[in-house]
PDB file of N, CA and C in Angstrom:
ATOM      1  N   MET A   1      63.555  55.424  96.444  1.00  0.00           N
ATOM      2  CA  MET A   1      64.824  55.847  96.209  1.00  0.00           C
ATOM      3  C   MET A   1      65.917  55.177  97.130  1.00  0.00           C
ATOM      4  N   SER A   2      66.866  54.748  96.674  1.00  0.00           N
ATOM      5  CA  SER A   2      67.918  54.130  97.610  1.00  0.00           C
ATOM      6  C   SER A   2      68.776  55.234  98.365  1.00  0.00           C
ATOM      7  N   HIS A   3      69.435  54.836  99.344  1.00  0.00           N
ATOM      8  CA  HIS A   3      70.251  55.818 100.192  1.00  0.00           C
ATOM      9  C   HIS A   3      71.356  56.401  99.119  1.00  0.00           C
ATOM     10  N   ASN A   4      71.822  55.614  98.303  1.00  0.00           N
ATOM     11  CA  ASN A   4      72.860  56.072  97.307  1.00  0.00           C
ATOM     12  C   ASN A   4      72.266  57.092  96.366  1.00  0.00           C
ATOM     13  N   GLU A   5      71.060  56.603  95.813  1.00  0.00           N
ATOM     14  CA  GLU A   5      70.486  57.613  94.846  1.00  0.00           C
ATOM     15  C   GLU A   5      70.234  59.111  95.525  1.00  0.00           C
ATOM     16  N   GLU A   6      69.637  59.031  96.813  1.00  0.00           N
ATOM     17  CA  GLU A   6      69.391  60.174  97.507  1.00  0.00           C
ATOM     18  C   GLU A   6      70.684  61.112  97.735  1.00  0.00           C
ATOM     19  N   PHE A   7      71.601  60.429  98.145  1.00  0.00           N
ATOM     20  CA  PHE A   7      73.022  61.034  98.184  1.00  0.00           C
ATOM     21  C   PHE A   7      73.493  61.704  96.914  1.00  0.00           C
ATOM     22  N   GLN A   8      73.337  61.030  95.767  1.00  0.00           N
ATOM     23  CA  GLN A   8      73.770  61.472  94.596  1.00  0.00           C
ATOM     24  C   GLN A   8      72.846  62.608  94.185  1.00  0.00           C
ATOM     25  N   ARG A   9      71.650  62.578  94.310  1.00  0.00           N
ATOM     26  CA  ARG A   9      70.662  63.844  94.109  1.00  0.00           C
ATOM     27  C   ARG A   9      71.104  65.013  94.960  1.00  0.00           C
ATOM     28  N   ARG A  10      71.464  64.724  96.215  1.00  0.00           N
ATOM     29  CA  ARG A  10      71.746  65.857  97.022  1.00  0.00           C
ATOM     30  C   ARG A  10      73.092  66.613  96.676  1.00  0.00           C
ATOM     31  N   MET A  11      74.106  65.621  96.194  1.00  0.00           N
ATOM     32  CA  MET A  11      75.381  66.031  95.769  1.00  0.00           C
ATOM     33  C   MET A  11      75.287  67.051  94.534  1.00  0.00           C
ATOM     34  N   VAL A  12      74.274  66.586  93.578  1.00  0.00           N
ATOM     35  CA  VAL A  12      74.052  67.455  92.415  1.00  0.00           C
ATOM     36  C   VAL A  12      73.435  68.706  92.717  1.00  0.00           C
ATOM     37  N   GLU A  13      72.541  68.846  93.645  1.00  0.00           N
ATOM     38  CA  GLU A  13      71.843  69.943  94.230  1.00  0.00           C
ATOM     39  C   GLU A  13      72.829  70.947  94.799  1.00  0.00           C
ATOM     40  N   ASP A  14      73.779  70.275  95.699  1.00  0.00           N
ATOM     41  CA  ASP A  14      74.746  71.182  96.329  1.00  0.00           C
ATOM     42  C   ASP A  14      75.826  71.705  95.368  1.00  0.00           C
ATOM     43  N   ARG A  15      76.284  71.001  94.310  1.00  0.00           N
ATOM     44  CA  ARG A  15      77.198  71.460  93.335  1.00  0.00           C
ATOM     45  C   ARG A  15      76.485  72.499  92.485  1.00  0.00           C
ATOM     46  N   ARG A  16      75.263  72.480  92.102  1.00  0.00           N
ATOM     47  CA  ARG A  16      74.591  73.516  91.520  1.00  0.00           C
ATOM     48  C   ARG A  16      74.622  74.834  92.252  1.00  0.00           C
ATOM     49  N   LEU A  17      74.342  74.583  93.656  1.00  0.00           N
ATOM     50  CA  LEU A  17      74.324  75.735  94.529  1.00  0.00           C
ATOM     51  C   LEU A  17      75.726  76.408  94.480  1.00  0.00           C
ATOM     52  N   VAL A  18      76.807  75.788  94.602  1.00  0.00           N
ATOM     53  CA  VAL A  18      78.133  76.166  94.748  1.00  0.00           C
ATOM     54  C   VAL A  18      78.461  76.898  93.341  1.00  0.00           C
ATOM     55  N   ILE A  19      78.127  76.357  92.315  1.00  0.00           N
ATOM     56  CA  ILE A  19      78.336  77.133  90.902  1.00  0.00           C
ATOM     57  C   ILE A  19      77.638  78.459  91.034  1.00  0.00           C
ATOM     58  N   LEU A  20      76.497  78.546  91.494  1.00  0.00           N
ATOM     59  CA  LEU A  20      75.768  79.993  91.517  1.00  0.00           C
ATOM     60  C   LEU A  20      76.467  80.860  92.566  1.00  0.00           C
ATOM     61  N   ARG A  21      77.025  80.214  93.722  1.00  0.00           N
ATOM     62  CA  ARG A  21      77.722  81.059  94.799  1.00  0.00           C
ATOM     63  C   ARG A  21      78.923  81.481  94.221  1.00  0.00           C
ATOM     64  N   TYR A  22      79.731  80.852  93.527  1.00  0.00           N
ATOM     65  CA  TYR A  22      81.078  81.221  93.020  1.00  0.00           C
ATOM     66  C   TYR A  22      80.691  82.228  91.953  1.00  0.00           C
ATOM     67  N   LEU A  23      79.725  82.243  91.198  1.00  0.00           N
ATOM     68  CA  LEU A  23      79.458  83.169  90.040  1.00  0.00           C
ATOM     69  C   LEU A  23      79.076  84.553  90.812  1.00  0.00           C
ATOM     70  N   ASP A  24      78.259  84.457  91.737  1.00  0.00           N
ATOM     71  CA  ASP A  24      77.731  85.547  92.557  1.00  0.00           C
ATOM     72  C   ASP A  24      78.705  86.272  93.160  1.00  0.00           C
ATOM     73  N   GLU A  25      79.834  85.749  93.628  1.00  0.00           N
ATOM     74  CA  GLU A  25      81.138  86.294  94.367  1.00  0.00           C
ATOM     75  C   GLU A  25      81.948  87.007  93.407  1.00  0.00           C
ATOM     76  N   GLU A  26      81.924  86.789  92.037  1.00  0.00           N
ATOM     77  CA  GLU A  26      82.740  87.438  91.077  1.00  0.00           C
ATOM     78  C   GLU A  26      82.420  88.680  90.740  1.00  0.00           C
ATOM     79  N   ASP A  27      83.237  89.684  90.545  1.00  0.00           N
ATOM     80  CA  ASP A  27      82.731  91.051  90.340  1.00  0.00           C
ATOM     81  C   ASP A  27      81.884  91.170  89.219  1.00  0.00           C
ATOM     82  N   ASP A  28      82.069  90.513  88.144  1.00  0.00           N
ATOM     83  CA  ASP A  28      81.574  90.540  86.936  1.00  0.00           C
ATOM     84  C   ASP A  28      80.333  89.363  86.807  1.00  0.00           C
ATOM     85  N   GLY A  29      80.331  88.680  87.935  1.00  0.00           N
ATOM     86  CA  GLY A  29      79.276  87.504  87.806  1.00  0.00           C
ATOM     87  C   GLY A  29      79.545  86.493  86.771  1.00  0.00           C
ATOM     88  N   ARG A  30      80.861  86.234  86.423  1.00  0.00           N
ATOM     89  CA  ARG A  30      81.184  85.252  85.378  1.00  0.00           C
ATOM     90  C   ARG A  30      82.465  84.449  85.613  1.00  0.00           C
ATOM     91  N   MET A  31      82.559  83.317  84.997  1.00  0.00           N
ATOM     92  CA  MET A  31      83.897  82.540  85.325  1.00  0.00           C
ATOM     93  C   MET A  31      83.903  81.416  84.118  1.00  0.00           C
ATOM     94  N   SER A  32      85.009  81.202  83.648  1.00  0.00           N
ATOM     95  CA  SER A  32      85.113  80.205  82.599  1.00  0.00           C
ATOM     96  C   SER A  32      84.734  78.751  83.281  1.00  0.00           C
ATOM     97  N   VAL A  33      84.347  77.769  82.393  1.00  0.00           N
ATOM     98  CA  VAL A  33      84.051  76.501  82.750  1.00  0.00           C
ATOM     99  C   VAL A  33      85.286  75.780  83.346  1.00  0.00           C
ATOM    100  N   SER A  34      86.295  75.997  82.731  1.00  0.00           N
ATOM    101  CA  SER A  34      87.566  75.309  83.222  1.00  0.00           C
ATOM    102  C   SER A  34      87.924  75.808  84.703  1.00  0.00           C
ATOM    103  N   LEU A  35      87.799  77.198  85.009  1.00  0.00           N
ATOM    104  CA  LEU A  35      87.991  77.668  86.343  1.00  0.00           C
ATOM    105  C   LEU A  35      87.006  77.158  87.308  1.00  0.00           C
ATOM    106  N   MET A  36      85.753  77.065  86.837  1.00  0.00           N
ATOM    107  CA  MET A  36      84.717  76.531  87.619  1.00  0.00           C
ATOM    108  C   MET A  36      84.998  75.177  87.979  1.00  0.00           C
ATOM    109  N   THR A  37      85.462  74.321  87.087  1.00  0.00           N
ATOM    110  CA  THR A  37      85.707  73.012  87.371  1.00  0.00           C
ATOM    111  C   THR A  37      86.819  72.858  88.465  1.00  0.00           C
ATOM    112  N   ASP A  38      87.847  73.794  88.491  1.00  0.00           N
ATOM    113  CA  ASP A  38      88.766  73.777  89.668  1.00  0.00           C
ATOM    114  C   ASP A  38      88.257  74.253  90.894  1.00  0.00           C
ATOM    115  N   ALA A  39      87.392  75.321  90.774  1.00  0.00           N
ATOM    116  CA  ALA A  39      86.649  75.833  92.076  1.00  0.00           C
ATOM    117  C   ALA A  39      85.899  74.766  92.732  1.00  0.00           C
ATOM    118  N   LEU A  40      85.057  73.951  91.940  1.00  0.00           N
ATOM    119  CA  LEU A  40      84.286  73.058  92.407  1.00  0.00           C
ATOM    120  C   LEU A  40      85.138  71.834  93.186  1.00  0.00           C
ATOM    121  N   ALA A  41      86.232  71.559  92.612  1.00  0.00           N
ATOM    122  CA  ALA A  41      87.132  70.610  93.276  1.00  0.00           C
ATOM    123  C   ALA A  41      87.549  70.954  94.651  1.00  0.00           C
ATOM    124  N   ILE A  42      87.800  72.226  94.847  1.00  0.00           N
ATOM    125  CA  ILE A  42      88.223  72.880  96.201  1.00  0.00           C
ATOM    126  C   ILE A  42      87.021  72.608  97.116  1.00  0.00           C
ATOM    127  N   MET A  43      85.852  72.485  96.619  1.00  0.00           N
ATOM    128  CA  MET A  43      84.700  72.327  97.575  1.00  0.00           C
ATOM    129  C   MET A  43      84.313  70.789  97.411  1.00  0.00           C
ATOM    130  N   SER A  44      85.126  69.951  97.193  1.00  0.00           N
ATOM    131  CA  SER A  44      85.047  68.531  97.159  1.00  0.00           C
ATOM    132  C   SER A  44      84.023  67.997  96.185  1.00  0.00           C
ATOM    133  N   HIS A  45      83.876  68.747  95.109  1.00  0.00           N
ATOM    134  CA  HIS A  45      83.005  68.376  93.888  1.00  0.00           C
ATOM    135  C   HIS A  45      83.965  68.008  92.731  1.00  0.00           C
ATOM    136  N   ARG A  46      84.573  66.989  92.848  1.00  0.00           N
ATOM    137  CA  ARG A  46      85.606  66.592  91.733  1.00  0.00           C
ATOM    138  C   ARG A  46      84.862  66.020  90.450  1.00  0.00           C
ATOM    139  N   VAL A  47      84.496  66.879  89.483  1.00  0.00           N
ATOM    140  CA  VAL A  47      83.731  66.394  88.286  1.00  0.00           C
ATOM    141  C   VAL A  47      84.453  66.890  87.107  1.00  0.00           C
ATOM    142  N   PRO A  48      84.141  66.230  85.992  1.00  0.00           N
ATOM    143  CA  PRO A  48      84.826  66.629  84.719  1.00  0.00           C
ATOM    144  C   PRO A  48      84.020  67.842  84.235  1.00  0.00           C
ATOM    145  N   ARG A  49      84.670  68.566  83.251  1.00  0.00           N
ATOM    146  CA  ARG A  49      83.978  69.656  82.495  1.00  0.00           C
ATOM    147  C   ARG A  49      82.696  69.424  81.900  1.00  0.00           C
ATOM    148  N   THR A  50      82.516  68.349  81.380  1.00  0.00           N
ATOM    149  CA  THR A  50      81.280  67.908  80.858  1.00  0.00           C
ATOM    150  C   THR A  50      80.112  68.095  81.768  1.00  0.00           C
ATOM    151  N   THR A  51      80.382  67.499  83.158  1.00  0.00           N
ATOM    152  CA  THR A  51      79.276  67.642  84.147  1.00  0.00           C
ATOM    153  C   THR A  51      79.111  69.162  84.511  1.00  0.00           C
ATOM    154  N   VAL A  52      80.135  69.810  84.596  1.00  0.00           N
ATOM    155  CA  VAL A  52      79.981  71.257  84.863  1.00  0.00           C
ATOM    156  C   VAL A  52      78.982  71.911  83.665  1.00  0.00           C
ATOM    157  N   LEU A  53      79.260  71.524  82.543  1.00  0.00           N
ATOM    158  CA  LEU A  53      78.444  72.103  81.348  1.00  0.00           C
ATOM    159  C   LEU A  53      77.007  71.447  81.516  1.00  0.00           C
ATOM    160  N   GLU A  54      76.857  70.230  81.895  1.00  0.00           N
ATOM    161  CA  GLU A  54      75.488  69.801  82.116  1.00  0.00           C
ATOM    162  C   GLU A  54      74.758  70.525  83.157  1.00  0.00           C
ATOM    163  N   ASP A  55      75.453  70.680  84.258  1.00  0.00           N
ATOM    164  CA  ASP A  55      74.743  71.599  85.275  1.00  0.00           C
ATOM    165  C   ASP A  55      74.519  73.019  84.828  1.00  0.00           C
ATOM    166  N   ALA A  56      75.315  73.569  84.042  1.00  0.00           N
ATOM    167  CA  ALA A  56      75.086  74.790  83.554  1.00  0.00           C
ATOM    168  C   ALA A  56      74.002  74.980  82.676  1.00  0.00           C
ATOM    169  N   GLY A  57      73.741  73.829  81.842  1.00  0.00           N
ATOM    170  CA  GLY A  57      72.594  73.697  80.839  1.00  0.00           C
ATOM    171  C   GLY A  57      71.292  73.719  81.781  1.00  0.00           C
ATOM    172  N   TYR A  58      71.231  72.900  82.880  1.00  0.00           N
ATOM    173  CA  TYR A  58      70.109  72.731  83.744  1.00  0.00           C
ATOM    174  C   TYR A  58      69.841  74.254  84.376  1.00  0.00           C
ATOM    175  N   LEU A  59      70.849  74.806  84.886  1.00  0.00           N
ATOM    176  CA  LEU A  59      70.650  76.126  85.470  1.00  0.00           C
ATOM    177  C   LEU A  59      70.329  77.044  84.517  1.00  0.00           C
ATOM    178  N   GLU A  60      70.772  77.034  83.351  1.00  0.00           N
ATOM    179  CA  GLU A  60      70.505  78.067  82.307  1.00  0.00           C
ATOM    180  C   GLU A  60      68.803  77.954  81.800  1.00  0.00           C
ATOM    181  N   GLY A  61      68.568  76.634  81.986  1.00  0.00           N
ATOM    182  CA  GLY A  61      67.142  76.342  81.589  1.00  0.00           C
ATOM    183  C   GLY A  61      66.074  76.959  82.691  1.00  0.00           C
ATOM    184  N   LEU A  62      66.711  77.196  83.834  1.00  0.00           N
ATOM    185  CA  LEU A  62      65.854  77.738  84.947  1.00  0.00           C
ATOM    186  C   LEU A  62      66.075  79.186  85.032  1.00  0.00           C
ATOM    187  N   GLY A  63      66.857  79.758  84.162  1.00  0.00           N
ATOM    188  CA  GLY A  63      67.168  81.188  84.010  1.00  0.00           C
ATOM    189  C   GLY A  63      68.003  81.901  85.019  1.00  0.00           C
ATOM    190  N   LEU A  64      69.015  80.897  85.698  1.00  0.00           N
ATOM    191  CA  LEU A  64      69.775  81.164  86.778  1.00  0.00           C
ATOM    192  C   LEU A  64      71.261  81.570  86.344  1.00  0.00           C
ATOM    193  N   LEU A  65      71.593  81.211  85.102  1.00  0.00           N
ATOM    194  CA  LEU A  65      72.762  81.552  84.560  1.00  0.00           C
ATOM    195  C   LEU A  65      72.657  81.687  83.016  1.00  0.00           C
ATOM    196  N   ARG A  66      73.627  82.190  82.379  1.00  0.00           N
ATOM    197  CA  ARG A  66      73.673  82.051  80.905  1.00  0.00           C
ATOM    198  C   ARG A  66      75.119  81.454  80.495  1.00  0.00           C
ATOM    199  N   VAL A  67      75.108  80.627  79.634  1.00  0.00           N
ATOM    200  CA  VAL A  67      76.489  80.191  78.965  1.00  0.00           C
ATOM    201  C   VAL A  67      76.832  81.031  77.794  1.00  0.00           C
ATOM    202  N   GLU A  68      77.757  81.779  77.867  1.00  0.00           N
ATOM    203  CA  GLU A  68      78.424  82.694  76.805  1.00  0.00           C
ATOM    204  C   GLU A  68      79.647  82.067  76.293  1.00  0.00           C
ATOM    205  N   TYR A  69      80.004  82.462  75.111  1.00  0.00           N
ATOM    206  CA  TYR A  69      81.197  81.901  74.520  1.00  0.00           C
ATOM    207  C   TYR A  69      82.178  83.010  74.125  1.00  0.00           C
ATOM    208  N   VAL A  70      83.355  82.969  74.530  1.00  0.00           N
ATOM    209  CA  VAL A  70      84.525  83.993  73.926  1.00  0.00           C
ATOM    210  C   VAL A  70      85.354  83.203  73.171  1.00  0.00           C
ATOM    211  N   GLY A  71      85.011  83.301  71.791  1.00  0.00           N
ATOM    212  CA  GLY A  71      85.884  82.132  70.799  1.00  0.00           C
ATOM    213  C   GLY A  71      85.154  80.929  71.293  1.00  0.00           C
ATOM    214  N   SER A  72      86.003  79.910  71.506  1.00  0.00           N
ATOM    215  CA  SER A  72      85.612  78.671  71.820  1.00  0.00           C
ATOM    216  C   SER A  72      85.590  78.275  73.468  1.00  0.00           C
ATOM    217  N   VAL A  73      85.783  79.354  74.145  1.00  0.00           N
ATOM    218  CA  VAL A  73      85.855  79.235  75.531  1.00  0.00           C
ATOM    219  C   VAL A  73      84.440  79.523  76.162  1.00  0.00           C
ATOM    220  N   PRO A  74      83.844  78.474  76.858  1.00  0.00           N
ATOM    221  CA  PRO A  74      82.618  78.695  77.544  1.00  0.00           C
ATOM    222  C   PRO A  74      82.735  79.464  78.812  1.00  0.00           C
ATOM    223  N   LEU A  75      82.017  80.457  78.978  1.00  0.00           N
ATOM    224  CA  LEU A  75      81.824  81.240  80.299  1.00  0.00           C
ATOM    225  C   LEU A  75      80.438  80.972  80.860  1.00  0.00           C
ATOM    226  N   LEU A  76      80.459  81.043  82.187  1.00  0.00           N
ATOM    227  CA  LEU A  76      79.078  81.124  82.937  1.00  0.00           C
ATOM    228  C   LEU A  76      78.956  82.449  83.409  1.00  0.00           C
ATOM    229  N   ARG A  77      77.741  82.907  83.285  1.00  0.00           N
ATOM    230  CA  ARG A  77      77.413  84.240  83.751  1.00  0.00           C
ATOM    231  C   ARG A  77      76.085  84.161  84.638  1.00  0.00           C
ATOM    232  N   VAL A  78      76.131  84.580  85.879  1.00  0.00           N
ATOM    233  CA  VAL A  78      74.992  84.439  86.783  1.00  0.00           C
ATOM    234  C   VAL A  78      73.917  85.507  86.440  1.00  0.00           C
ATOM    235  N   THR A  79      72.779  85.251  86.493  1.00  0.00           N
ATOM    236  CA  THR A  79      71.708  86.135  86.312  1.00  0.00           C
ATOM    237  C   THR A  79      71.156  86.765  87.659  1.00  0.00           C
ATOM    238  N   GLY A  80      70.460  87.840  87.663  1.00  0.00           N
ATOM    239  CA  GLY A  80      69.766  88.233  88.924  1.00  0.00           C
ATOM    240  C   GLY A  80      69.021  87.137  89.619  1.00  0.00           C
ATOM    241  N   ARG A  81      68.310  86.427  88.950  1.00  0.00           N
ATOM    242  CA  ARG A  81      67.605  85.344  89.642  1.00  0.00           C
ATOM    243  C   ARG A  81      68.478  84.330  90.193  1.00  0.00           C
ATOM    244  N   GLY A  82      69.610  83.988  89.620  1.00  0.00           N
ATOM    245  CA  GLY A  82      70.648  83.054  89.951  1.00  0.00           C
ATOM    246  C   GLY A  82      71.261  83.637  91.157  1.00  0.00           C
ATOM    247  N   ALA A  83      71.521  84.994  91.222  1.00  0.00           N
ATOM    248  CA  ALA A  83      72.176  85.444  92.581  1.00  0.00           C
ATOM    249  C   ALA A  83      71.271  85.397  93.671  1.00  0.00           C
ATOM    250  N   GLU A  84      69.894  85.650  93.390  1.00  0.00           N
ATOM    251  CA  GLU A  84      68.884  85.550  94.494  1.00  0.00           C
ATOM    252  C   GLU A  84      68.836  83.936  95.028  1.00  0.00           C
ATOM    253  N   VAL A  85      68.980  83.093  94.146  1.00  0.00           N
ATOM    254  CA  VAL A  85      69.115  81.731  94.582  1.00  0.00           C
ATOM    255  C   VAL A  85      70.366  81.270  95.383  1.00  0.00           C
ATOM    256  N   ALA A  86      71.479  81.823  94.912  1.00  0.00           N
ATOM    257  CA  ALA A  86      72.666  81.660  95.681  1.00  0.00           C
ATOM    258  C   ALA A  86      72.710  82.335  97.029  1.00  0.00           C
ATOM    259  N   LYS A  87      71.804  83.317  97.342  1.00  0.00           N
ATOM    260  CA  LYS A  87      71.729  84.045  98.584  1.00  0.00           C
ATOM    261  C   LYS A  87      70.646  83.473  99.432  1.00  0.00           C
ATOM    262  N   GLY A  88      69.899  82.411  98.890  1.00  0.00           N
ATOM    263  CA  GLY A  88      68.841  81.830  99.643  1.00  0.00           C
ATOM    264  C   GLY A  88      67.593  82.628  99.730  1.00  0.00           C
ATOM    265  N   LEU A  89      67.529  83.546  98.741  1.00  0.00           N
ATOM    266  CA  LEU A  89      66.159  84.481  98.724  1.00  0.00           C
ATOM    267  C   LEU A  89      64.949  83.805  98.188  1.00  0.00           C
ATOM    268  N   ILE A  90      65.359  82.992  97.144  1.00  0.00           N
ATOM    269  CA  ILE A  90      64.284  82.077  96.379  1.00  0.00           C
ATOM    270  C   ILE A  90      64.740  80.737  96.264  1.00  0.00           C
ATOM    271  N   GLU A  91      63.842  79.703  96.154  1.00  0.00           N
ATOM    272  CA  GLU A  91      64.080  78.377  95.927  1.00  0.00           C
ATOM    273  C   GLU A  91      63.662  77.911  94.691  1.00  0.00           C
ATOM    274  N   VAL A  92      64.540  76.861  94.085  1.00  0.00           N
ATOM    275  CA  VAL A  92      64.166  76.391  92.762  1.00  0.00           C
ATOM    276  C   VAL A  92      64.328  74.835  92.777  1.00  0.00           C
ATOM    277  N   PRO A  93      63.754  74.095  91.994  1.00  0.00           N
ATOM    278  CA  PRO A  93      63.921  72.630  92.047  1.00  0.00           C
ATOM    279  C   PRO A  93      65.324  72.255  91.492  1.00  0.00           C
ATOM    280  N   GLY A  94      66.019  71.314  92.117  1.00  0.00           N
ATOM    281  CA  GLY A  94      67.320  70.828  91.680  1.00  0.00           C
ATOM    282  C   GLY A  94      68.456  71.661  92.077  1.00  0.00           C
ATOM    283  N   VAL A  95      68.236  72.716  93.080  1.00  0.00           N
ATOM    284  CA  VAL A  95      69.299  73.427  93.488  1.00  0.00           C
ATOM    285  C   VAL A  95      69.127  73.522  95.101  1.00  0.00           C
ATOM    286  N   LYS A  96      70.138  73.066  95.741  1.00  0.00           N
ATOM    287  CA  LYS A  96      70.094  73.140  97.285  1.00  0.00           C
ATOM    288  C   LYS A  96      69.829  74.517  97.647  1.00  0.00           C
ATOM    289  N   LYS A  97      68.817  74.497  98.844  1.00  0.00           N
ATOM    290  CA  LYS A  97      68.711  75.846  99.517  1.00  0.00           C
ATOM    291  C   LYS A  97      69.663  76.048 100.565  1.00  0.00           C
ATOM    292  N   PRO A  98      70.409  77.188 100.638  1.00  0.00           N
ATOM    293  CA  PRO A  98      71.470  77.301 101.553  1.00  0.00           C
ATOM    294  C   PRO A  98      70.837  77.242 103.222  1.00  0.00           C
ATOM    295  N   ALA A  99      71.522  76.677 103.913  1.00  0.00           N
ATOM    296  CA  ALA A  99      71.143  76.718 105.396  1.00  0.00           C
ATOM    297  C   ALA A  99      71.484  78.222 105.914  1.00  0.00           C
ATOM    298  N   ARG A 100      70.747  78.543 106.933  1.00  0.00           N
ATOM    299  CA  ARG A 100      71.023  79.840 107.370  1.00  0.00           C
ATOM    300  C   ARG A 100      72.436  80.016 107.901  1.00  0.00           C
ATOM    301  N   GLY A 101      73.085  81.143 107.642  1.00  0.00           N
ATOM    302  CA  GLY A 101      74.411  81.460 107.985  1.00  0.00           C
ATOM    303  C   GLY A 101      75.600  80.588 107.193  1.00  0.00           C
ATOM    304  N   GLU A 102      75.059  79.948 106.165  1.00  0.00           N
ATOM    305  CA  GLU A 102      76.042  79.447 105.086  1.00  0.00           C
ATOM    306  C   GLU A 102      76.571  80.292 104.278  1.00  0.00           C
TER     307      GLU A 102
END
């Protein structure tokens, strides 16, 4: 794996962790994809909505979040397992494990 490929993999894993953390911080554990796209940009993950939806699909496949729709608006909702990953209590492939104190 080249240095660039390794960097890209780490960026994806970090972005997925950030998604889970933002959701875990919400009172109801959910956020629209549009708002999540904006939140990720604040954390230097400037990606299109389609990328956020792709990450959400990956995380949903692991049981870490659910994609729900209110009309045509996609919402992301963290699961209990996703909250555990966000807090660093469990590790899953493809999601960065937070460092202590992060």
